[in-house]
């Protein structure tokens, strides 16, 4: 992965990963089915630990164009889900940095997806 297009995709990954760091502080597990039903300490630990194999899978799969398409679609849908959940009582992503990390990834993913489709 060395082209400008590859760098754009890696930037999408980095952007969404920065959001995941913010998600720990914002207790995102409280919004997720399964984790939201657990006590907070256990859910936090699982949320963090599950990101280890997730990151390995993302890095391992990153060169695959089909994965890139799917990941870009996920980032766009993810932004939509955050928008839909913005009034949920346990939603804590209200500050400008959180909005930047969530919604800033969307146009990058859309641009990379458009480039892949041509």
PDB file of N, CA and C in Angstrom:
ATOM      1  N   UNK A   1       0.846  -1.178   0.000  1.00  0.00           N
ATOM      2  CA  UNK A   1       0.000   0.000   0.000  1.00  0.00           C
ATOM      3  C   UNK A   1       0.890   1.239   0.000  1.00  0.00           C
ATOM      4  N   UNK A   2       1.030   1.854  -1.166  1.00  0.00           N
ATOM      5  CA  UNK A   2       1.917   3.015  -1.233  1.00  0.00           C
ATOM      6  C   UNK A   2       1.364   4.167  -2.068  1.00  0.00           C
ATOM      7  N   UNK A   3       0.259   3.987  -2.747  1.00  0.00           N
ATOM      8  CA  UNK A   3      -0.277   5.057  -3.582  1.00  0.00           C
ATOM      9  C   UNK A   3      -1.010   6.099  -2.736  1.00  0.00           C
ATOM     10  N   UNK A   4      -1.332   7.222  -3.353  1.00  0.00           N
ATOM     11  CA  UNK A   4      -2.119   8.245  -2.652  1.00  0.00           C
ATOM     12  C   UNK A   4      -3.480   7.695  -2.239  1.00  0.00           C
ATOM     13  N   UNK A   5      -4.042   6.831  -3.066  1.00  0.00           N
ATOM     14  CA  UNK A   5      -5.317   6.194  -2.726  1.00  0.00           C
ATOM     15  C   UNK A   5      -5.165   5.323  -1.480  1.00  0.00           C
ATOM     16  N   UNK A   6      -4.051   4.611  -1.389  1.00  0.00           N
ATOM     17  CA  UNK A   6      -3.783   3.798  -0.199  1.00  0.00           C
ATOM     18  C   UNK A   6      -3.642   4.681   1.040  1.00  0.00           C
ATOM     19  N   UNK A   7      -2.965   5.797   0.898  1.00  0.00           N
ATOM     20  CA  UNK A   7      -2.791   6.722   2.018  1.00  0.00           C
ATOM     21  C   UNK A   7      -4.150   7.276   2.453  1.00  0.00           C
ATOM     22  N   UNK A   8      -5.015   7.550   1.477  1.00  0.00           N
ATOM     23  CA  UNK A   8      -6.364   8.016   1.806  1.00  0.00           C
ATOM     24  C   UNK A   8      -7.093   6.957   2.631  1.00  0.00           C
ATOM     25  N   UNK A   9      -7.011   5.690   2.222  1.00  0.00           N
ATOM     26  CA  UNK A   9      -7.694   4.640   2.978  1.00  0.00           C
ATOM     27  C   UNK A   9      -7.094   4.485   4.377  1.00  0.00           C
ATOM     28  N   UNK A  10      -5.783   4.529   4.481  1.00  0.00           N
ATOM     29  CA  UNK A  10      -5.158   4.462   5.805  1.00  0.00           C
ATOM     30  C   UNK A  10      -5.583   5.643   6.681  1.00  0.00           C
ATOM     31  N   UNK A  11      -5.816   6.780   6.055  1.00  0.00           N
ATOM     32  CA  UNK A  11      -6.306   7.942   6.799  1.00  0.00           C
ATOM     33  C   UNK A  11      -7.726   7.699   7.311  1.00  0.00           C
ATOM     34  N   UNK A  12      -8.554   7.043   6.502  1.00  0.00           N
ATOM     35  CA  UNK A  12      -9.902   6.681   6.955  1.00  0.00           C
ATOM     36  C   UNK A  12      -9.797   5.772   8.180  1.00  0.00           C
ATOM     37  N   UNK A  13      -8.917   4.773   8.114  1.00  0.00           N
ATOM     38  CA  UNK A  13      -8.723   3.868   9.260  1.00  0.00           C
ATOM     39  C   UNK A  13      -8.251   4.663  10.478  1.00  0.00           C
ATOM     40  N   UNK A  14      -7.273   5.525  10.304  1.00  0.00           N
ATOM     41  CA  UNK A  14      -6.738   6.301  11.428  1.00  0.00           C
ATOM     42  C   UNK A  14      -7.819   7.199  12.028  1.00  0.00           C
ATOM     43  N   UNK A  15      -8.625   7.808  11.174  1.00  0.00           N
ATOM     44  CA  UNK A  15      -9.668   8.714  11.630  1.00  0.00           C
ATOM     45  C   UNK A  15     -10.686   7.957  12.493  1.00  0.00           C
ATOM     46  N   UNK A  16     -11.107   6.799  12.012  1.00  0.00           N
ATOM     47  CA  UNK A  16     -12.106   6.031  12.758  1.00  0.00           C
ATOM     48  C   UNK A  16     -11.471   5.441  14.019  1.00  0.00           C
ATOM     49  N   UNK A  17     -10.193   5.129  13.960  1.00  0.00           N
ATOM     50  CA  UNK A  17      -9.528   4.608  15.166  1.00  0.00           C
ATOM     51  C   UNK A  17      -9.389   5.690  16.234  1.00  0.00           C
ATOM     52  N   UNK A  18      -9.148   6.915  15.805  1.00  0.00           N
ATOM     53  CA  UNK A  18      -9.126   8.027  16.766  1.00  0.00           C
ATOM     54  C   UNK A  18     -10.507   8.177  17.409  1.00  0.00           C
ATOM     55  N   UNK A  19     -11.552   7.972  16.606  1.00  0.00           N
ATOM     56  CA  UNK A  19     -12.908   7.981  17.181  1.00  0.00           C
ATOM     57  C   UNK A  19     -13.047   6.880  18.227  1.00  0.00           C
ATOM     58  N   UNK A  20     -12.479   5.722  17.982  1.00  0.00           N
ATOM     59  CA  UNK A  20     -12.577   4.628  18.958  1.00  0.00           C
ATOM     60  C   UNK A  20     -11.885   4.988  20.273  1.00  0.00           C
ATOM     61  N   UNK A  21     -10.797   5.746  20.195  1.00  0.00           N
ATOM     62  CA  UNK A  21     -10.168   6.232  21.430  1.00  0.00           C
ATOM     63  C   UNK A  21     -11.125   7.155  22.179  1.00  0.00           C
ATOM     64  N   UNK A  22     -11.765   8.038  21.446  1.00  0.00           N
ATOM     65  CA  UNK A  22     -12.751   8.942  22.038  1.00  0.00           C
ATOM     66  C   UNK A  22     -13.940   8.143  22.586  1.00  0.00           C
ATOM     67  N   UNK A  23     -14.283   7.065  21.903  1.00  0.00           N
ATOM     68  CA  UNK A  23     -15.428   6.236  22.307  1.00  0.00           C
ATOM     69  C   UNK A  23     -15.232   5.614  23.682  1.00  0.00           C
ATOM     70  N   UNK A  24     -13.984   5.365  24.056  1.00  0.00           N
ATOM     71  CA  UNK A  24     -13.722   4.825  25.398  1.00  0.00           C
ATOM     72  C   UNK A  24     -14.103   5.883  26.430  1.00  0.00           C
ATOM     73  N   UNK A  25     -13.666   7.114  26.211  1.00  0.00           N
ATOM     74  CA  UNK A  25     -13.992   8.171  27.161  1.00  0.00           C
ATOM     75  C   UNK A  25     -15.491   8.457  27.192  1.00  0.00           C
ATOM     76  N   UNK A  26     -16.172   8.257  26.070  1.00  0.00           N
ATOM     77  CA  UNK A  26     -17.596   8.568  25.967  1.00  0.00           C
ATOM     78  C   UNK A  26     -18.486   7.357  26.284  1.00  0.00           C
ATOM     79  N   UNK A  27     -17.893   6.283  26.776  1.00  0.00           N
ATOM     80  CA  UNK A  27     -18.659   5.096  27.220  1.00  0.00           C
ATOM     81  C   UNK A  27     -19.556   4.526  26.113  1.00  0.00           C
ATOM     82  N   UNK A  28     -19.009   4.368  24.926  1.00  0.00           N
ATOM     83  CA  UNK A  28     -19.814   3.913  23.789  1.00  0.00           C
ATOM     84  C   UNK A  28     -20.437   2.538  24.021  1.00  0.00           C
ATOM     85  N   UNK A  29     -19.829   1.715  24.853  1.00  0.00           N
ATOM     86  CA  UNK A  29     -20.373   0.382  25.114  1.00  0.00           C
ATOM     87  C   UNK A  29     -21.781   0.456  25.699  1.00  0.00           C
ATOM     88  N   UNK A  30     -22.125   1.562  26.310  1.00  0.00           N
ATOM     89  CA  UNK A  30     -23.465   1.721  26.889  1.00  0.00           C
ATOM     90  C   UNK A  30     -24.552   1.801  25.821  1.00  0.00           C
ATOM     91  N   UNK A  31     -24.149   1.975  24.564  1.00  0.00           N
ATOM     92  CA  UNK A  31     -25.094   2.050  23.450  1.00  0.00           C
ATOM     93  C   UNK A  31     -25.158   0.756  22.651  1.00  0.00           C
ATOM     94  N   UNK A  32     -24.251  -0.165  22.923  1.00  0.00           N
ATOM     95  CA  UNK A  32     -24.126  -1.367  22.101  1.00  0.00           C
ATOM     96  C   UNK A  32     -24.928  -2.536  22.666  1.00  0.00           C
ATOM     97  N   UNK A  33     -25.709  -3.187  21.810  1.00  0.00           N
ATOM     98  CA  UNK A  33     -26.433  -4.382  22.272  1.00  0.00           C
ATOM     99  C   UNK A  33     -25.433  -5.405  22.835  1.00  0.00           C
ATOM    100  N   UNK A  34     -25.799  -6.040  23.895  1.00  0.00           N
ATOM    101  CA  UNK A  34     -24.913  -7.007  24.542  1.00  0.00           C
ATOM    102  C   UNK A  34     -24.082  -6.351  25.625  1.00  0.00           C
ATOM    103  N   UNK A  35     -23.224  -5.437  25.233  1.00  0.00           N
ATOM    104  CA  UNK A  35     -22.370  -4.772  26.213  1.00  0.00           C
ATOM    105  C   UNK A  35     -23.172  -3.846  27.131  1.00  0.00           C
ATOM    106  N   UNK A  36     -24.221  -3.239  26.615  1.00  0.00           N
ATOM    107  CA  UNK A  36     -24.999  -2.299  27.424  1.00  0.00           C
ATOM    108  C   UNK A  36     -25.726  -2.979  28.575  1.00  0.00           C
ATOM    109  N   UNK A  37     -25.895  -4.287  28.495  1.00  0.00           N
ATOM    110  CA  UNK A  37     -26.600  -5.001  29.565  1.00  0.00           C
ATOM    111  C   UNK A  37     -25.655  -5.477  30.673  1.00  0.00           C
ATOM    112  N   UNK A  38     -24.355  -5.299  30.480  1.00  0.00           N
ATOM    113  CA  UNK A  38     -23.374  -5.732  31.475  1.00  0.00           C
ATOM    114  C   UNK A  38     -23.076  -4.600  32.452  1.00  0.00           C
ATOM    115  N   UNK A  39     -22.457  -4.951  33.583  1.00  0.00           N
ATOM    116  CA  UNK A  39     -22.034  -3.875  34.485  1.00  0.00           C
ATOM    117  C   UNK A  39     -20.948  -3.064  33.778  1.00  0.00           C
ATOM    118  N   UNK A  40     -20.843  -1.809  34.155  1.00  0.00           N
ATOM    119  CA  UNK A  40     -20.011  -0.862  33.423  1.00  0.00           C
ATOM    120  C   UNK A  40     -18.538  -1.264  33.343  1.00  0.00           C
ATOM    121  N   UNK A  41     -17.970  -1.755  34.427  1.00  0.00           N
ATOM    122  CA  UNK A  41     -16.553  -2.124  34.428  1.00  0.00           C
ATOM    123  C   UNK A  41     -16.291  -3.293  33.483  1.00  0.00           C
ATOM    124  N   UNK A  42     -17.128  -4.319  33.538  1.00  0.00           N
ATOM    125  CA  UNK A  42     -16.962  -5.470  32.652  1.00  0.00           C
ATOM    126  C   UNK A  42     -17.164  -5.056  31.192  1.00  0.00           C
ATOM    127  N   UNK A  43     -18.183  -4.255  30.929  1.00  0.00           N
ATOM    128  CA  UNK A  43     -18.450  -3.816  29.558  1.00  0.00           C
ATOM    129  C   UNK A  43     -17.286  -2.983  29.019  1.00  0.00           C
ATOM    130  N   UNK A  44     -16.746  -2.101  29.849  1.00  0.00           N
ATOM    131  CA  UNK A  44     -15.579  -1.300  29.452  1.00  0.00           C
ATOM    132  C   UNK A  44     -14.410  -2.203  29.084  1.00  0.00           C
ATOM    133  N   UNK A  45     -14.111  -3.173  29.937  1.00  0.00           N
ATOM    134  CA  UNK A  45     -12.978  -4.070  29.686  1.00  0.00           C
ATOM    135  C   UNK A  45     -13.172  -4.857  28.398  1.00  0.00           C
ATOM    136  N   UNK A  46     -14.371  -5.383  28.193  1.00  0.00           N
ATOM    137  CA  UNK A  46     -14.642  -6.128  26.958  1.00  0.00           C
ATOM    138  C   UNK A  46     -14.549  -5.218  25.736  1.00  0.00           C
ATOM    139  N   UNK A  47     -15.105  -4.024  25.850  1.00  0.00           N
ATOM    140  CA  UNK A  47     -15.054  -3.059  24.743  1.00  0.00           C
ATOM    141  C   UNK A  47     -13.605  -2.806  24.327  1.00  0.00           C
ATOM    142  N   UNK A  48     -12.748  -2.567  25.296  1.00  0.00           N
ATOM    143  CA  UNK A  48     -11.342  -2.300  24.995  1.00  0.00           C
ATOM    144  C   UNK A  48     -10.655  -3.550  24.444  1.00  0.00           C
ATOM    145  N   UNK A  49     -10.836  -4.677  25.105  1.00  0.00           N
ATOM    146  CA  UNK A  49     -10.155  -5.906  24.676  1.00  0.00           C
ATOM    147  C   UNK A  49     -10.614  -6.385  23.298  1.00  0.00           C
ATOM    148  N   UNK A  50     -11.880  -6.199  22.982  1.00  0.00           N
ATOM    149  CA  UNK A  50     -12.368  -6.614  21.657  1.00  0.00           C
ATOM    150  C   UNK A  50     -11.769  -5.790  20.530  1.00  0.00           C
ATOM    151  N   UNK A  51     -11.252  -4.621  20.859  1.00  0.00           N
ATOM    152  CA  UNK A  51     -10.622  -3.803  19.827  1.00  0.00           C
ATOM    153  C   UNK A  51      -9.251  -4.347  19.407  1.00  0.00           C
ATOM    154  N   UNK A  52      -8.657  -5.220  20.192  1.00  0.00           N
ATOM    155  CA  UNK A  52      -7.358  -5.802  19.799  1.00  0.00           C
ATOM    156  C   UNK A  52      -7.518  -6.683  18.569  1.00  0.00           C
ATOM    157  N   UNK A  53      -8.368  -7.719  18.601  1.00  0.00           N
ATOM    158  CA  UNK A  53      -8.515  -8.511  17.368  1.00  0.00           C
ATOM    159  C   UNK A  53      -9.143  -7.706  16.230  1.00  0.00           C
ATOM    160  N   UNK A  54      -9.974  -6.732  16.566  1.00  0.00           N
ATOM    161  CA  UNK A  54     -10.571  -5.894  15.528  1.00  0.00           C
ATOM    162  C   UNK A  54      -9.495  -5.127  14.771  1.00  0.00           C
ATOM    163  N   UNK A  55      -8.556  -4.529  15.494  1.00  0.00           N
ATOM    164  CA  UNK A  55      -7.477  -3.789  14.830  1.00  0.00           C
ATOM    165  C   UNK A  55      -6.584  -4.725  14.022  1.00  0.00           C
ATOM    166  N   UNK A  56      -6.280  -5.898  14.549  1.00  0.00           N
ATOM    167  CA  UNK A  56      -5.476  -6.870  13.799  1.00  0.00           C
ATOM    168  C   UNK A  56      -6.177  -7.216  12.492  1.00  0.00           C
ATOM    169  N   UNK A  57      -7.478  -7.479  12.561  1.00  0.00           N
ATOM    170  CA  UNK A  57      -8.253  -7.832  11.367  1.00  0.00           C
ATOM    171  C   UNK A  57      -8.260  -6.685  10.360  1.00  0.00           C
ATOM    172  N   UNK A  58      -8.435  -5.456  10.835  1.00  0.00           N
ATOM    173  CA  UNK A  58      -8.459  -4.302   9.941  1.00  0.00           C
ATOM    174  C   UNK A  58      -7.108  -4.134   9.243  1.00  0.00           C
ATOM    175  N   UNK A  59      -6.020  -4.203  10.004  1.00  0.00           N
ATOM    176  CA  UNK A  59      -4.687  -4.034   9.422  1.00  0.00           C
ATOM    177  C   UNK A  59      -4.386  -5.162   8.438  1.00  0.00           C
ATOM    178  N   UNK A  60      -4.737  -6.383   8.801  1.00  0.00           N
ATOM    179  CA  UNK A  60      -4.489  -7.537   7.941  1.00  0.00           C
ATOM    180  C   UNK A  60      -5.301  -7.444   6.651  1.00  0.00           C
ATOM    181  N   UNK A  61      -6.525  -6.947   6.747  1.00  0.00           N
ATOM    182  CA  UNK A  61      -7.426  -6.899   5.594  1.00  0.00           C
ATOM    183  C   UNK A  61      -7.277  -5.643   4.748  1.00  0.00           C
ATOM    184  N   UNK A  62      -6.603  -4.637   5.257  1.00  0.00           N
ATOM    185  CA  UNK A  62      -6.543  -3.328   4.595  1.00  0.00           C
ATOM    186  C   UNK A  62      -6.150  -3.361   3.115  1.00  0.00           C
ATOM    187  N   UNK A  63      -5.228  -4.202   2.677  1.00  0.00           N
ATOM    188  CA  UNK A  63      -4.863  -4.184   1.253  1.00  0.00           C
ATOM    189  C   UNK A  63      -5.953  -4.722   0.320  1.00  0.00           C
ATOM    190  N   UNK A  64      -6.934  -5.418   0.846  1.00  0.00           N
ATOM    191  CA  UNK A  64      -7.962  -6.063   0.031  1.00  0.00           C
ATOM    192  C   UNK A  64      -9.002  -5.029  -0.429  1.00  0.00           C
ATOM    193  N   UNK A  65      -9.158  -4.842  -1.748  1.00  0.00           N
ATOM    194  CA  UNK A  65     -10.120  -3.850  -2.250  1.00  0.00           C
ATOM    195  C   UNK A  65     -11.563  -4.111  -1.787  1.00  0.00           C
ATOM    196  N   UNK A  66     -11.959  -5.373  -1.691  1.00  0.00           N
ATOM    197  CA  UNK A  66     -13.322  -5.684  -1.220  1.00  0.00           C
ATOM    198  C   UNK A  66     -13.479  -5.251   0.237  1.00  0.00           C
ATOM    199  N   UNK A  67     -12.451  -5.467   1.042  1.00  0.00           N
ATOM    200  CA  UNK A  67     -12.499  -5.012   2.425  1.00  0.00           C
ATOM    201  C   UNK A  67     -12.584  -3.492   2.479  1.00  0.00           C
ATOM    202  N   UNK A  68     -11.817  -2.817   1.640  1.00  0.00           N
ATOM    203  CA  UNK A  68     -11.829  -1.355   1.620  1.00  0.00           C
ATOM    204  C   UNK A  68     -13.222  -0.818   1.309  1.00  0.00           C
ATOM    205  N   UNK A  69     -13.882  -1.439   0.348  1.00  0.00           N
ATOM    206  CA  UNK A  69     -15.252  -1.028   0.011  1.00  0.00           C
ATOM    207  C   UNK A  69     -16.155  -1.219   1.233  1.00  0.00           C
ATOM    208  N   UNK A  70     -16.091  -2.396   1.839  1.00  0.00           N
ATOM    209  CA  UNK A  70     -16.923  -2.685   3.007  1.00  0.00           C
ATOM    210  C   UNK A  70     -16.629  -1.766   4.171  1.00  0.00           C
ATOM    211  N   UNK A  71     -15.356  -1.476   4.404  1.00  0.00           N
ATOM    212  CA  UNK A  71     -14.980  -0.603   5.515  1.00  0.00           C
ATOM    213  C   UNK A  71     -15.480   0.815   5.274  1.00  0.00           C
ATOM    214  N   UNK A  72     -15.355   1.299   4.045  1.00  0.00           N
ATOM    215  CA  UNK A  72     -15.859   2.629   3.713  1.00  0.00           C
ATOM    216  C   UNK A  72     -17.368   2.710   3.926  1.00  0.00           C
ATOM    217  N   UNK A  73     -18.081   1.695   3.495  1.00  0.00           N
ATOM    218  CA  UNK A  73     -19.535   1.662   3.701  1.00  0.00           C
ATOM    219  C   UNK A  73     -19.840   1.648   5.198  1.00  0.00           C
ATOM    220  N   UNK A  74     -19.088   0.855   5.952  1.00  0.00           N
ATOM    221  CA  UNK A  74     -19.273   0.825   7.406  1.00  0.00           C
ATOM    222  C   UNK A  74     -19.082   2.212   8.013  1.00  0.00           C
ATOM    223  N   UNK A  75     -18.036   2.926   7.613  1.00  0.00           N
ATOM    224  CA  UNK A  75     -17.759   4.255   8.174  1.00  0.00           C
ATOM    225  C   UNK A  75     -18.919   5.204   7.881  1.00  0.00           C
ATOM    226  N   UNK A  76     -19.459   5.135   6.685  1.00  0.00           N
ATOM    227  CA  UNK A  76     -20.586   5.999   6.311  1.00  0.00           C
ATOM    228  C   UNK A  76     -21.833   5.633   7.129  1.00  0.00           C
ATOM    229  N   UNK A  77     -22.132   4.345   7.228  1.00  0.00           N
ATOM    230  CA  UNK A  77     -23.275   3.888   8.022  1.00  0.00           C
ATOM    231  C   UNK A  77     -23.063   4.231   9.495  1.00  0.00           C
ATOM    232  N   UNK A  78     -21.849   4.053   9.981  1.00  0.00           N
ATOM    233  CA  UNK A  78     -21.500   4.376  11.366  1.00  0.00           C
ATOM    234  C   UNK A  78     -21.815   5.839  11.675  1.00  0.00           C
ATOM    235  N   UNK A  79     -21.462   6.734  10.755  1.00  0.00           N
ATOM    236  CA  UNK A  79     -21.794   8.142  10.933  1.00  0.00           C
ATOM    237  C   UNK A  79     -23.297   8.351  11.012  1.00  0.00           C
ATOM    238  N   UNK A  80     -24.037   7.643  10.172  1.00  0.00           N
ATOM    239  CA  UNK A  80     -25.497   7.722  10.201  1.00  0.00           C
ATOM    240  C   UNK A  80     -26.073   7.220  11.514  1.00  0.00           C
ATOM    241  N   UNK A  81     -25.505   6.144  12.036  1.00  0.00           N
ATOM    242  CA  UNK A  81     -25.981   5.616  13.323  1.00  0.00           C
ATOM    243  C   UNK A  81     -25.731   6.609  14.450  1.00  0.00           C
ATOM    244  N   UNK A  82     -24.575   7.245  14.434  1.00  0.00           N
ATOM    245  CA  UNK A  82     -24.303   8.261  15.457  1.00  0.00           C
ATOM    246  C   UNK A  82     -25.298   9.414  15.345  1.00  0.00           C
ATOM    247  N   UNK A  83     -25.614   9.805  14.134  1.00  0.00           N
ATOM    248  CA  UNK A  83     -26.578  10.883  13.952  1.00  0.00           C
ATOM    249  C   UNK A  83     -27.946  10.464  14.503  1.00  0.00           C
ATOM    250  N   UNK A  84     -28.359   9.213  14.221  1.00  0.00           N
ATOM    251  CA  UNK A  84     -29.650   8.727  14.712  1.00  0.00           C
ATOM    252  C   UNK A  84     -29.682   8.599  16.233  1.00  0.00           C
ATOM    253  N   UNK A  85     -28.544   8.259  16.831  1.00  0.00           N
ATOM    254  CA  UNK A  85     -28.492   8.060  18.282  1.00  0.00           C
ATOM    255  C   UNK A  85     -28.199   9.335  19.070  1.00  0.00           C
ATOM    256  N   UNK A  86     -28.022  10.455  18.407  1.00  0.00           N
ATOM    257  CA  UNK A  86     -27.554  11.679  19.064  1.00  0.00           C
ATOM    258  C   UNK A  86     -28.442  12.143  20.210  1.00  0.00           C
ATOM    259  N   UNK A  87     -29.693  11.716  20.260  1.00  0.00           N
ATOM    260  CA  UNK A  87     -30.591  12.115  21.358  1.00  0.00           C
ATOM    261  C   UNK A  87     -30.819  11.000  22.372  1.00  0.00           C
ATOM    262  N   UNK A  88     -30.135   9.881  22.195  1.00  0.00           N
ATOM    263  CA  UNK A  88     -30.249   8.773  23.144  1.00  0.00           C
ATOM    264  C   UNK A  88     -29.736   9.248  24.505  1.00  0.00           C
ATOM    265  N   UNK A  89     -30.417   8.884  25.598  1.00  0.00           N
ATOM    266  CA  UNK A  89     -30.006   9.387  26.920  1.00  0.00           C
ATOM    267  C   UNK A  89     -28.585   8.991  27.335  1.00  0.00           C
ATOM    268  N   UNK A  90     -28.051   7.913  26.778  1.00  0.00           N
ATOM    269  CA  UNK A  90     -26.696   7.493  27.150  1.00  0.00           C
ATOM    270  C   UNK A  90     -25.644   7.921  26.124  1.00  0.00           C
ATOM    271  N   UNK A  91     -26.043   8.699  25.151  1.00  0.00           N
ATOM    272  CA  UNK A  91     -25.130   9.183  24.110  1.00  0.00           C
ATOM    273  C   UNK A  91     -24.321  10.348  24.651  1.00  0.00           C
ATOM    274  N   UNK A  92     -22.993  10.259  24.598  1.00  0.00           N
ATOM    275  CA  UNK A  92     -22.121  11.276  25.189  1.00  0.00           C
ATOM    276  C   UNK A  92     -21.236  12.003  24.171  1.00  0.00           C
ATOM    277  N   UNK A  93     -21.441  11.768  22.890  1.00  0.00           N
ATOM    278  CA  UNK A  93     -20.584  12.355  21.850  1.00  0.00           C
ATOM    279  C   UNK A  93     -21.105  13.728  21.424  1.00  0.00           C
ATOM    280  N   UNK A  94     -21.106  14.675  22.343  1.00  0.00           N
ATOM    281  CA  UNK A  94     -21.698  15.978  22.056  1.00  0.00           C
ATOM    282  C   UNK A  94     -20.676  17.084  21.805  1.00  0.00           C
ATOM    283  N   UNK A  95     -19.411  16.850  22.047  1.00  0.00           N
ATOM    284  CA  UNK A  95     -18.427  17.922  21.900  1.00  0.00           C
ATOM    285  C   UNK A  95     -17.891  17.991  20.465  1.00  0.00           C
ATOM    286  N   UNK A  96     -17.303  19.121  20.085  1.00  0.00           N
ATOM    287  CA  UNK A  96     -16.815  19.301  18.710  1.00  0.00           C
ATOM    288  C   UNK A  96     -15.785  18.258  18.266  1.00  0.00           C
ATOM    289  N   UNK A  97     -14.881  17.848  19.160  1.00  0.00           N
ATOM    290  CA  UNK A  97     -13.894  16.844  18.765  1.00  0.00           C
ATOM    291  C   UNK A  97     -14.577  15.522  18.417  1.00  0.00           C
ATOM    292  N   UNK A  98     -15.523  15.110  19.232  1.00  0.00           N
ATOM    293  CA  UNK A  98     -16.253  13.871  18.942  1.00  0.00           C
ATOM    294  C   UNK A  98     -16.954  13.961  17.592  1.00  0.00           C
ATOM    295  N   UNK A  99     -17.606  15.084  17.334  1.00  0.00           N
ATOM    296  CA  UNK A  99     -18.285  15.262  16.047  1.00  0.00           C
ATOM    297  C   UNK A  99     -17.288  15.226  14.892  1.00  0.00           C
ATOM    298  N   UNK A 100     -16.152  15.868  15.075  1.00  0.00           N
ATOM    299  CA  UNK A 100     -15.128  15.869  14.031  1.00  0.00           C
ATOM    300  C   UNK A 100     -14.646  14.454  13.736  1.00  0.00           C
ATOM    301  N   UNK A 101     -14.383  13.676  14.782  1.00  0.00           N
ATOM    302  CA  UNK A 101     -13.871  12.317  14.584  1.00  0.00           C
ATOM    303  C   UNK A 101     -14.915  11.403  13.947  1.00  0.00           C
ATOM    304  N   UNK A 102     -16.168  11.546  14.343  1.00  0.00           N
ATOM    305  CA  UNK A 102     -17.227  10.694  13.787  1.00  0.00           C
ATOM    306  C   UNK A 102     -17.549  11.113  12.355  1.00  0.00           C
ATOM    307  N   UNK A 103     -17.896  12.385  12.206  1.00  0.00           N
ATOM    308  CA  UNK A 103     -18.424  12.827  10.922  1.00  0.00           C
ATOM    309  C   UNK A 103     -17.335  13.266   9.949  1.00  0.00           C
ATOM    310  N   UNK A 104     -16.128  13.514  10.429  1.00  0.00           N
ATOM    311  CA  UNK A 104     -15.012  13.826   9.539  1.00  0.00           C
ATOM    312  C   UNK A 104     -14.552  12.621   8.744  1.00  0.00           C
ATOM    313  N   UNK A 105     -14.757  11.436   9.288  1.00  0.00           N
ATOM    314  CA  UNK A 105     -14.372  10.212   8.581  1.00  0.00           C
ATOM    315  C   UNK A 105     -15.287   9.934   7.397  1.00  0.00           C
ATOM    316  N   UNK A 106     -16.526  10.405   7.472  1.00  0.00           N
ATOM    317  CA  UNK A 106     -17.524  10.076   6.442  1.00  0.00           C
ATOM    318  C   UNK A 106     -17.141  10.596   5.060  1.00  0.00           C
ATOM    319  N   UNK A 107     -16.806  11.877   4.886  1.00  0.00           N
ATOM    320  CA  UNK A 107     -16.432  12.318   3.534  1.00  0.00           C
ATOM    321  C   UNK A 107     -15.146  11.665   3.025  1.00  0.00           C
ATOM    322  N   UNK A 108     -14.225  11.368   3.927  1.00  0.00           N
ATOM    323  CA  UNK A 108     -13.007  10.672   3.506  1.00  0.00           C
ATOM    324  C   UNK A 108     -13.343   9.278   2.978  1.00  0.00           C
ATOM    325  N   UNK A 109     -14.207   8.572   3.697  1.00  0.00           N
ATOM    326  CA  UNK A 109     -14.628   7.233   3.262  1.00  0.00           C
ATOM    327  C   UNK A 109     -15.402   7.311   1.944  1.00  0.00           C
ATOM    328  N   UNK A 110     -16.271   8.307   1.821  1.00  0.00           N
ATOM    329  CA  UNK A 110     -17.042   8.464   0.586  1.00  0.00           C
ATOM    330  C   UNK A 110     -16.115   8.774  -0.600  1.00  0.00           C
ATOM    331  N   UNK A 111     -15.123   9.630  -0.372  1.00  0.00           N
ATOM    332  CA  UNK A 111     -14.163   9.939  -1.428  1.00  0.00           C
ATOM    333  C   UNK A 111     -13.386   8.694  -1.834  1.00  0.00           C
ATOM    334  N   UNK A 112     -12.895   7.952  -0.840  1.00  0.00           N
ATOM    335  CA  UNK A 112     -12.140   6.736  -1.171  1.00  0.00           C
ATOM    336  C   UNK A 112     -13.032   5.729  -1.885  1.00  0.00           C
ATOM    337  N   UNK A 113     -14.259   5.598  -1.459  1.00  0.00           N
ATOM    338  CA  UNK A 113     -15.199   4.685  -2.110  1.00  0.00           C
ATOM    339  C   UNK A 113     -15.433   5.114  -3.567  1.00  0.00           C
ATOM    340  N   UNK A 114     -15.606   6.408  -3.787  1.00  0.00           N
ATOM    341  CA  UNK A 114     -15.817   6.908  -5.159  1.00  0.00           C
ATOM    342  C   UNK A 114     -14.600   6.611  -6.025  1.00  0.00           C
ATOM    343  N   UNK A 115     -13.406   6.786  -5.494  1.00  0.00           N
ATOM    344  CA  UNK A 115     -12.178   6.502  -6.249  1.00  0.00           C
ATOM    345  C   UNK A 115     -12.104   5.020  -6.605  1.00  0.00           C
ATOM    346  N   UNK A 116     -12.486   4.161  -5.652  1.00  0.00           N
ATOM    347  CA  UNK A 116     -12.459   2.721  -5.917  1.00  0.00           C
ATOM    348  C   UNK A 116     -13.451   2.311  -6.999  1.00  0.00           C
ATOM    349  N   UNK A 117     -14.540   3.041  -7.081  1.00  0.00           N
ATOM    350  CA  UNK A 117     -15.616   2.669  -8.008  1.00  0.00           C
ATOM    351  C   UNK A 117     -15.366   3.110  -9.453  1.00  0.00           C
ATOM    352  N   UNK A 118     -14.362   3.999  -9.657  1.00  0.00           N
ATOM    353  CA  UNK A 118     -14.078   4.429 -11.037  1.00  0.00           C
ATOM    354  C   UNK A 118     -13.097   3.541 -11.718  1.00  0.00           C
TER     355      UNK A 118
END
